[in-house]
C-alpha cells in the first residue's frame, strides 16, 4: 500500500479498506495521515516518510513523527468503551517502542500497517485467553519487563486441600517486522498435596499453543488456557489425596 494509493482513495475505497483490512483513514493533511484500526488503535504518521525503496531508492530522510494510541475507551465512538487492560497496555507499549526505532525511509508503508494490525490481532487473542481464564480462577497480570508479561491464575482444589499457581509467561519479540508472541505455562504448588511441578508443567505445555497467532488463523489441536487449567485441575482432583508425590 503506497502513498499515492492512500491519498487518492474515494469513499467506496475507504469503506473497502475498513471492511477488508480493518483500517480507516480519519484525517489527512498533506502527506500526514491519521488512521484507526478496528476502532481500537489510532496511528498518526507521515506517509511520505514510508515511501518504499521501489519508488525512491535513494530516500534517506530523517524519521517523521509517529504515534500509536489506544482509543477503545473513547465513549464518543464506542457504545461500550473498553478500558485498556494490563495485557493490552503491555503490547501497546511494546509496539510503540518498536515504531520509534524504525528506519522509516526503508520501511514500506504496507509493512508498517501490517505490523500494527497483526500485532493488535495477537493482543486481542491474548486478551481473550486472559478473560476466559479469569472466569474460572482469579487471574492477575503483571508487566515484568519491556518484553515479558506474566499472567498468573490462582487455582484452588478444595477437595484435596491444595492451592496451586499456574503462570503463563508471555514473551514478545520482533522478527522481520512481525511481532512474535510466545507463551510458556508453568504450574507450582502453594500448599497441600505435593504434586510434581515438572509433570504438571509438561502437561500444560502439551496442551497450550506456544505461539500466539492472529485472529482467525486458528490453532487446531490446542486447548485454550482456561481449558488447559481446567483439564489439569480435573486430573488432580480425580486422583484425590492419593495424588501426593504424583502428577
C-alpha atoms as a PDB file:
ATOM      1  CA  UNK A   1       0.000   0.000   0.000  1.00  0.00           C
ATOM      2  CA  UNK A   2       1.742   3.197  -1.176  1.00  0.00           C
ATOM      3  CA  UNK A   3       1.349   6.905  -0.504  1.00  0.00           C
ATOM      4  CA  UNK A   4      -0.307   7.716  -3.819  1.00  0.00           C
ATOM      5  CA  UNK A   5      -2.912   4.989  -3.411  1.00  0.00           C
ATOM      6  CA  UNK A   6      -3.793   6.062   0.125  1.00  0.00           C
ATOM      7  CA  UNK A   7      -4.228   9.720  -0.774  1.00  0.00           C
ATOM      8  CA  UNK A   8      -6.470   9.057  -3.792  1.00  0.00           C
ATOM      9  CA  UNK A   9      -8.983   6.731  -2.133  1.00  0.00           C
ATOM     10  CA  UNK A  10     -12.632   7.618  -2.636  1.00  0.00           C
ATOM     11  CA  UNK A  11     -15.425   6.844  -0.155  1.00  0.00           C
ATOM     12  CA  UNK A  12     -16.015   3.371  -1.579  1.00  0.00           C
ATOM     13  CA  UNK A  13     -12.310   2.596  -1.383  1.00  0.00           C
ATOM     14  CA  UNK A  14     -12.148   3.754   2.225  1.00  0.00           C
ATOM     15  CA  UNK A  15     -15.089   1.530   3.137  1.00  0.00           C
ATOM     16  CA  UNK A  16     -13.459  -1.421   1.368  1.00  0.00           C
ATOM     17  CA  UNK A  17     -10.180  -0.777   3.189  1.00  0.00           C
ATOM     18  CA  UNK A  18     -12.036  -0.790   6.501  1.00  0.00           C
ATOM     19  CA  UNK A  19     -14.056  -3.915   5.731  1.00  0.00           C
ATOM     20  CA  UNK A  20     -11.158  -5.952   4.336  1.00  0.00           C
ATOM     21  CA  UNK A  21      -8.244  -4.801   6.468  1.00  0.00           C
ATOM     22  CA  UNK A  22      -9.813  -3.037   9.465  1.00  0.00           C
ATOM     23  CA  UNK A  23      -8.108   0.269   8.643  1.00  0.00           C
ATOM     24  CA  UNK A  24      -9.888   3.586   8.213  1.00  0.00           C
ATOM     25  CA  UNK A  25      -8.441   6.984   7.324  1.00  0.00           C
ATOM     26  CA  UNK A  26      -9.911   9.523   9.745  1.00  0.00           C
ATOM     27  CA  UNK A  27      -7.951  12.604   8.692  1.00  0.00           C
ATOM     28  CA  UNK A  28      -5.327  13.727   6.190  1.00  0.00           C
ATOM     29  CA  UNK A  29      -3.277  16.897   5.894  1.00  0.00           C
ATOM     30  CA  UNK A  30      -0.787  16.867   3.045  1.00  0.00           C
ATOM     31  CA  UNK A  31       1.055  13.579   3.450  1.00  0.00           C
ATOM     32  CA  UNK A  32       0.269  13.320   7.169  1.00  0.00           C
ATOM     33  CA  UNK A  33      -2.401  10.733   7.934  1.00  0.00           C
ATOM     34  CA  UNK A  34      -4.378   9.604  10.941  1.00  0.00           C
ATOM     35  CA  UNK A  35      -5.762   6.094  10.625  1.00  0.00           C
ATOM     36  CA  UNK A  36      -7.681   3.851  13.006  1.00  0.00           C
ATOM     37  CA  UNK A  37      -7.552   0.082  13.252  1.00  0.00           C
ATOM     38  CA  UNK A  38     -10.803  -1.671  14.204  1.00  0.00           C
ATOM     39  CA  UNK A  39     -11.792   1.364  16.308  1.00  0.00           C
ATOM     40  CA  UNK A  40      -9.201   0.278  18.875  1.00  0.00           C
ATOM     41  CA  UNK A  41      -5.979   1.950  17.774  1.00  0.00           C
ATOM     42  CA  UNK A  42      -5.160   5.305  16.221  1.00  0.00           C
ATOM     43  CA  UNK A  43      -1.988   5.612  14.146  1.00  0.00           C
ATOM     44  CA  UNK A  44      -0.587   9.041  13.213  1.00  0.00           C
ATOM     45  CA  UNK A  45       2.289   9.224  10.719  1.00  0.00           C
ATOM     46  CA  UNK A  46       3.713  10.946   7.650  1.00  0.00           C
ATOM     47  CA  UNK A  47       3.038   8.623   4.750  1.00  0.00           C
ATOM     48  CA  UNK A  48       5.779  10.235   2.664  1.00  0.00           C
ATOM     49  CA  UNK A  49       8.403   9.066   5.157  1.00  0.00           C
ATOM     50  CA  UNK A  50       7.441   5.454   4.389  1.00  0.00           C
ATOM     51  CA  UNK A  51       7.582   5.624   0.589  1.00  0.00           C
ATOM     52  CA  UNK A  52       9.053   2.302  -0.494  1.00  0.00           C
ATOM     53  CA  UNK A  53      12.502   1.840  -1.983  1.00  0.00           C
ATOM     54  CA  UNK A  54      10.852   0.786  -5.227  1.00  0.00           C
ATOM     55  CA  UNK A  55       9.541   4.343  -5.643  1.00  0.00           C
ATOM     56  CA  UNK A  56      12.528   6.236  -4.242  1.00  0.00           C
ATOM     57  CA  UNK A  57      15.602   4.035  -3.804  1.00  0.00           C
ATOM     58  CA  UNK A  58      17.778   6.972  -2.709  1.00  0.00           C
ATOM     59  CA  UNK A  59      15.438   8.090   0.059  1.00  0.00           C
ATOM     60  CA  UNK A  60      17.385   8.512   3.316  1.00  0.00           C
ATOM     61  CA  UNK A  61      15.377  11.194   5.101  1.00  0.00           C
ATOM     62  CA  UNK A  62      15.050  11.513   8.846  1.00  0.00           C
ATOM     63  CA  UNK A  63      12.185   9.848  10.684  1.00  0.00           C
ATOM     64  CA  UNK A  64       8.965  11.824  10.859  1.00  0.00           C
ATOM     65  CA  UNK A  65       6.767  11.944  13.990  1.00  0.00           C
ATOM     66  CA  UNK A  66       4.724   8.809  14.557  1.00  0.00           C
ATOM     67  CA  UNK A  67       2.322   7.832  17.343  1.00  0.00           C
ATOM     68  CA  UNK A  68       0.126   4.885  18.255  1.00  0.00           C
ATOM     69  CA  UNK A  69      -2.757   5.493  20.651  1.00  0.00           C
ATOM     70  CA  UNK A  70      -5.464   3.323  22.187  1.00  0.00           C
ATOM     71  CA  UNK A  71      -8.941   4.718  21.504  1.00  0.00           C
ATOM     72  CA  UNK A  72     -11.044   1.725  22.542  1.00  0.00           C
ATOM     73  CA  UNK A  73     -12.011   3.609  25.722  1.00  0.00           C
ATOM     74  CA  UNK A  74     -13.421   6.582  23.796  1.00  0.00           C
ATOM     75  CA  UNK A  75     -17.113   6.819  24.672  1.00  0.00           C
ATOM     76  CA  UNK A  76     -17.761   9.153  21.733  1.00  0.00           C
ATOM     77  CA  UNK A  77     -17.077   6.410  19.174  1.00  0.00           C
ATOM     78  CA  UNK A  78     -17.971   3.276  21.138  1.00  0.00           C
ATOM     79  CA  UNK A  79     -21.289   2.203  22.563  1.00  0.00           C
ATOM     80  CA  UNK A  80     -19.412   0.201  25.163  1.00  0.00           C
ATOM     81  CA  UNK A  81     -15.941   1.670  25.630  1.00  0.00           C
ATOM     82  CA  UNK A  82     -13.327  -0.762  26.914  1.00  0.00           C
ATOM     83  CA  UNK A  83     -10.654   0.295  29.373  1.00  0.00           C
ATOM     84  CA  UNK A  84      -7.095  -0.649  28.454  1.00  0.00           C
ATOM     85  CA  UNK A  85      -6.197  -3.865  30.260  1.00  0.00           C
ATOM     86  CA  UNK A  86      -2.742  -4.659  31.619  1.00  0.00           C
ATOM     87  CA  UNK A  87      -2.080  -7.177  28.867  1.00  0.00           C
ATOM     88  CA  UNK A  88      -3.191  -4.774  26.144  1.00  0.00           C
ATOM     89  CA  UNK A  89      -1.072  -1.992  27.645  1.00  0.00           C
ATOM     90  CA  UNK A  90       1.946  -4.306  27.587  1.00  0.00           C
ATOM     91  CA  UNK A  91       1.609  -4.999  23.865  1.00  0.00           C
ATOM     92  CA  UNK A  92       0.755  -1.386  23.024  1.00  0.00           C
ATOM     93  CA  UNK A  93       3.899  -0.171  24.792  1.00  0.00           C
ATOM     94  CA  UNK A  94       5.924  -2.850  23.020  1.00  0.00           C
ATOM     95  CA  UNK A  95       4.637  -1.819  19.585  1.00  0.00           C
ATOM     96  CA  UNK A  96       5.122   1.877  20.342  1.00  0.00           C
ATOM     97  CA  UNK A  97       8.741   1.282  21.312  1.00  0.00           C
ATOM     98  CA  UNK A  98       9.411  -0.601  18.102  1.00  0.00           C
ATOM     99  CA  UNK A  99       7.769   2.071  15.951  1.00  0.00           C
ATOM    100  CA  UNK A 100      10.101   4.676  17.447  1.00  0.00           C
ATOM    101  CA  UNK A 101      13.108   2.565  16.392  1.00  0.00           C
ATOM    102  CA  UNK A 102      12.040   2.079  12.784  1.00  0.00           C
ATOM    103  CA  UNK A 103      14.092   3.397   9.902  1.00  0.00           C
ATOM    104  CA  UNK A 104      11.067   4.847   8.170  1.00  0.00           C
ATOM    105  CA  UNK A 105      12.754   5.528   4.829  1.00  0.00           C
ATOM    106  CA  UNK A 106      13.496   1.819   4.336  1.00  0.00           C
ATOM    107  CA  UNK A 107      10.169   0.547   5.675  1.00  0.00           C
ATOM    108  CA  UNK A 108       7.321   0.094   3.147  1.00  0.00           C
ATOM    109  CA  UNK A 109       4.056   1.655   4.253  1.00  0.00           C
ATOM    110  CA  UNK A 110       2.282  -1.686   3.890  1.00  0.00           C
ATOM    111  CA  UNK A 111       4.795  -3.217   6.313  1.00  0.00           C
ATOM    112  CA  UNK A 112       4.052  -0.524   8.882  1.00  0.00           C
ATOM    113  CA  UNK A 113       0.299  -1.126   8.706  1.00  0.00           C
ATOM    114  CA  UNK A 114       0.693  -4.907   8.776  1.00  0.00           C
ATOM    115  CA  UNK A 115       2.968  -4.733  11.818  1.00  0.00           C
ATOM    116  CA  UNK A 116       0.372  -2.756  13.759  1.00  0.00           C
ATOM    117  CA  UNK A 117      -2.667  -4.733  12.615  1.00  0.00           C
ATOM    118  CA  UNK A 118      -1.241  -8.223  13.149  1.00  0.00           C
ATOM    119  CA  UNK A 119       0.332  -7.148  16.428  1.00  0.00           C
ATOM    120  CA  UNK A 120      -3.001  -5.906  17.707  1.00  0.00           C
ATOM    121  CA  UNK A 121      -4.775  -9.048  16.467  1.00  0.00           C
ATOM    122  CA  UNK A 122      -2.417 -11.123  18.611  1.00  0.00           C
ATOM    123  CA  UNK A 123      -3.005  -8.751  21.506  1.00  0.00           C
ATOM    124  CA  UNK A 124      -6.730  -9.420  21.229  1.00  0.00           C
ATOM    125  CA  UNK A 125      -6.136 -13.182  21.196  1.00  0.00           C
ATOM    126  CA  UNK A 126      -4.117 -12.968  24.420  1.00  0.00           C
ATOM    127  CA  UNK A 127      -6.752 -10.704  25.971  1.00  0.00           C
ATOM    128  CA  UNK A 128      -9.473 -13.235  25.212  1.00  0.00           C
ATOM    129  CA  UNK A 129      -7.381 -16.001  26.748  1.00  0.00           C
ATOM    130  CA  UNK A 130      -6.865 -13.969  29.925  1.00  0.00           C
ATOM    131  CA  UNK A 131     -10.539 -13.015  30.128  1.00  0.00           C
ATOM    132  CA  UNK A 132     -11.627 -16.635  29.733  1.00  0.00           C
ATOM    133  CA  UNK A 133      -9.111 -17.789  32.329  1.00  0.00           C
ATOM    134  CA  UNK A 134     -10.360 -15.190  34.793  1.00  0.00           C
ATOM    135  CA  UNK A 135     -13.851 -16.686  34.667  1.00  0.00           C
ATOM    136  CA  UNK A 136     -12.609 -19.913  36.250  1.00  0.00           C
ATOM    137  CA  UNK A 137      -9.813 -18.694  38.516  1.00  0.00           C
ATOM    138  CA  UNK A 138      -8.686 -15.390  39.957  1.00  0.00           C
ATOM    139  CA  UNK A 139      -6.164 -14.166  37.429  1.00  0.00           C
ATOM    140  CA  UNK A 140      -3.533 -11.457  37.849  1.00  0.00           C
ATOM    141  CA  UNK A 141      -1.484  -9.818  35.103  1.00  0.00           C
ATOM    142  CA  UNK A 142       1.810  -8.019  35.622  1.00  0.00           C
ATOM    143  CA  UNK A 143       4.312  -6.449  33.233  1.00  0.00           C
ATOM    144  CA  UNK A 144       7.719  -7.853  34.216  1.00  0.00           C
ATOM    145  CA  UNK A 145       9.833  -6.146  31.554  1.00  0.00           C
ATOM    146  CA  UNK A 146       9.530  -4.480  28.155  1.00  0.00           C
ATOM    147  CA  UNK A 147       9.333  -7.930  26.562  1.00  0.00           C
ATOM    148  CA  UNK A 148       7.708 -10.042  29.274  1.00  0.00           C
ATOM    149  CA  UNK A 149       4.150 -10.246  30.625  1.00  0.00           C
ATOM    150  CA  UNK A 150       3.152 -12.628  33.415  1.00  0.00           C
ATOM    151  CA  UNK A 151      -0.381 -13.981  33.714  1.00  0.00           C
ATOM    152  CA  UNK A 152      -0.980 -15.884  36.950  1.00  0.00           C
ATOM    153  CA  UNK A 153      -4.084 -17.974  37.714  1.00  0.00           C
ATOM    154  CA  UNK A 154      -4.786 -18.884  41.348  1.00  0.00           C
ATOM    155  CA  UNK A 155      -6.245 -22.393  41.296  1.00  0.00           C
ATOM    156  CA  UNK A 156      -7.786 -23.840  44.466  1.00  0.00           C
ATOM    157  CA  UNK A 157      -8.648 -27.538  44.792  1.00  0.00           C
ATOM    158  CA  UNK A 158     -10.816 -27.744  47.956  1.00  0.00           C
ATOM    159  CA  UNK A 159     -11.424 -31.473  47.579  1.00  0.00           C
ATOM    160  CA  UNK A 160      -7.746 -32.234  48.101  1.00  0.00           C
ATOM    161  CA  UNK A 161      -6.932 -29.159  50.197  1.00  0.00           C
ATOM    162  CA  UNK A 162      -4.490 -27.805  47.648  1.00  0.00           C
ATOM    163  CA  UNK A 163      -3.738 -24.461  46.056  1.00  0.00           C
ATOM    164  CA  UNK A 164      -1.523 -24.004  43.023  1.00  0.00           C
ATOM    165  CA  UNK A 165      -0.485 -21.169  40.779  1.00  0.00           C
ATOM    166  CA  UNK A 166      -0.463 -21.535  37.025  1.00  0.00           C
ATOM    167  CA  UNK A 167       1.762 -18.941  35.393  1.00  0.00           C
ATOM    168  CA  UNK A 168       1.677 -18.059  31.717  1.00  0.00           C
ATOM    169  CA  UNK A 169       4.879 -16.276  30.750  1.00  0.00           C
ATOM    170  CA  UNK A 170       4.185 -14.230  27.624  1.00  0.00           C
ATOM    171  CA  UNK A 171       7.239 -13.129  25.642  1.00  0.00           C
ATOM    172  CA  UNK A 172       7.155 -10.603  22.796  1.00  0.00           C
ATOM    173  CA  UNK A 173       9.825 -10.166  20.138  1.00  0.00           C
ATOM    174  CA  UNK A 174      10.022  -8.711  16.637  1.00  0.00           C
ATOM    175  CA  UNK A 175      11.452 -10.553  13.643  1.00  0.00           C
ATOM    176  CA  UNK A 176      11.287  -9.215  10.098  1.00  0.00           C
ATOM    177  CA  UNK A 177       8.779  -6.571  11.189  1.00  0.00           C
ATOM    178  CA  UNK A 178       6.407  -9.089  12.734  1.00  0.00           C
ATOM    179  CA  UNK A 179       5.530  -9.202  16.401  1.00  0.00           C
ATOM    180  CA  UNK A 180       6.022 -12.749  17.647  1.00  0.00           C
ATOM    181  CA  UNK A 181       4.350 -13.858  20.881  1.00  0.00           C
ATOM    182  CA  UNK A 182       5.433 -16.972  22.769  1.00  0.00           C
ATOM    183  CA  UNK A 183       3.644 -18.488  25.759  1.00  0.00           C
ATOM    184  CA  UNK A 184       5.286 -20.693  28.392  1.00  0.00           C
ATOM    185  CA  UNK A 185       2.936 -22.084  31.086  1.00  0.00           C
ATOM    186  CA  UNK A 186       4.244 -23.318  34.427  1.00  0.00           C
ATOM    187  CA  UNK A 187       2.464 -24.836  37.449  1.00  0.00           C
ATOM    188  CA  UNK A 188       3.622 -24.672  41.061  1.00  0.00           C
ATOM    189  CA  UNK A 189       2.072 -25.798  44.342  1.00  0.00           C
ATOM    190  CA  UNK A 190       1.474 -23.216  47.075  1.00  0.00           C
ATOM    191  CA  UNK A 191       0.200 -25.644  49.719  1.00  0.00           C
ATOM    192  CA  UNK A 192      -1.424 -29.073  50.002  1.00  0.00           C
ATOM    193  CA  UNK A 193      -0.641 -32.199  48.002  1.00  0.00           C
ATOM    194  CA  UNK A 194       2.940 -32.317  46.799  1.00  0.00           C
ATOM    195  CA  UNK A 195       2.296 -32.838  43.111  1.00  0.00           C
ATOM    196  CA  UNK A 196       5.317 -32.943  40.856  1.00  0.00           C
ATOM    197  CA  UNK A 197       5.505 -29.487  39.360  1.00  0.00           C
ATOM    198  CA  UNK A 198       7.625 -30.519  36.396  1.00  0.00           C
ATOM    199  CA  UNK A 199       4.999 -33.030  35.284  1.00  0.00           C
ATOM    200  CA  UNK A 200       2.156 -30.545  35.727  1.00  0.00           C
ATOM    201  CA  UNK A 201       4.099 -28.017  33.688  1.00  0.00           C
ATOM    202  CA  UNK A 202       4.786 -30.608  30.998  1.00  0.00           C
ATOM    203  CA  UNK A 203       1.061 -31.417  30.858  1.00  0.00           C
ATOM    204  CA  UNK A 204       0.157 -27.742  30.378  1.00  0.00           C
ATOM    205  CA  UNK A 205       2.796 -27.166  27.732  1.00  0.00           C
ATOM    206  CA  UNK A 206       1.493 -30.138  25.821  1.00  0.00           C
ATOM    207  CA  UNK A 207      -1.982 -28.609  25.782  1.00  0.00           C
ATOM    208  CA  UNK A 208      -1.327 -24.912  25.176  1.00  0.00           C
ATOM    209  CA  UNK A 209      -0.268 -23.456  21.844  1.00  0.00           C
ATOM    210  CA  UNK A 210       3.214 -21.991  22.341  1.00  0.00           C
ATOM    211  CA  UNK A 211       2.935 -19.357  19.591  1.00  0.00           C
ATOM    212  CA  UNK A 212       0.058 -16.886  19.605  1.00  0.00           C
ATOM    213  CA  UNK A 213      -1.464 -16.449  16.181  1.00  0.00           C
ATOM    214  CA  UNK A 214      -3.609 -13.640  14.904  1.00  0.00           C
ATOM    215  CA  UNK A 215      -7.391 -13.655  14.975  1.00  0.00           C
ATOM    216  CA  UNK A 216      -8.912 -16.184  12.630  1.00  0.00           C
ATOM    217  CA  UNK A 217      -5.677 -18.081  11.982  1.00  0.00           C
ATOM    218  CA  UNK A 218      -6.750 -20.923  14.225  1.00  0.00           C
ATOM    219  CA  UNK A 219      -4.776 -23.219  16.486  1.00  0.00           C
ATOM    220  CA  UNK A 220      -6.113 -26.664  15.732  1.00  0.00           C
ATOM    221  CA  UNK A 221      -5.410 -29.237  18.399  1.00  0.00           C
ATOM    222  CA  UNK A 222      -4.513 -26.689  21.077  1.00  0.00           C
ATOM    223  CA  UNK A 223      -6.622 -26.051  24.154  1.00  0.00           C
ATOM    224  CA  UNK A 224      -7.376 -22.577  25.446  1.00  0.00           C
ATOM    225  CA  UNK A 225      -5.504 -21.522  28.570  1.00  0.00           C
ATOM    226  CA  UNK A 226      -8.686 -21.911  30.610  1.00  0.00           C
ATOM    227  CA  UNK A 227      -9.389 -25.382  29.214  1.00  0.00           C
ATOM    228  CA  UNK A 228      -5.816 -26.500  29.883  1.00  0.00           C
ATOM    229  CA  UNK A 229      -6.045 -25.353  33.506  1.00  0.00           C
ATOM    230  CA  UNK A 230      -9.466 -26.987  33.865  1.00  0.00           C
ATOM    231  CA  UNK A 231      -8.127 -30.278  32.494  1.00  0.00           C
ATOM    232  CA  UNK A 232      -5.193 -30.170  34.905  1.00  0.00           C
ATOM    233  CA  UNK A 233      -7.499 -29.401  37.835  1.00  0.00           C
ATOM    234  CA  UNK A 234      -9.838 -32.275  36.950  1.00  0.00           C
ATOM    235  CA  UNK A 235      -6.923 -34.639  36.558  1.00  0.00           C
ATOM    236  CA  UNK A 236      -5.555 -33.808  40.009  1.00  0.00           C
ATOM    237  CA  UNK A 237      -8.949 -33.896  41.737  1.00  0.00           C
ATOM    238  CA  UNK A 238      -9.677 -37.288  40.196  1.00  0.00           C
ATOM    239  CA  UNK A 239      -6.623 -38.672  41.948  1.00  0.00           C
ATOM    240  CA  UNK A 240      -7.876 -37.467  45.330  1.00  0.00           C
ATOM    241  CA  UNK A 241      -5.417 -37.306  48.214  1.00  0.00           C
ATOM    242  CA  UNK A 242      -3.620 -40.287  46.756  1.00  0.00           C
ATOM    243  CA  UNK A 243      -2.054 -37.794  44.389  1.00  0.00           C
ATOM    244  CA  UNK A 244       0.693 -36.992  46.881  1.00  0.00           C
ATOM    245  CA  UNK A 245       4.011 -37.384  45.174  1.00  0.00           C
ATOM    246  CA  UNK A 246       2.347 -37.852  41.774  1.00  0.00           C
ATOM    247  CA  UNK A 247       1.238 -35.574  38.977  1.00  0.00           C
END
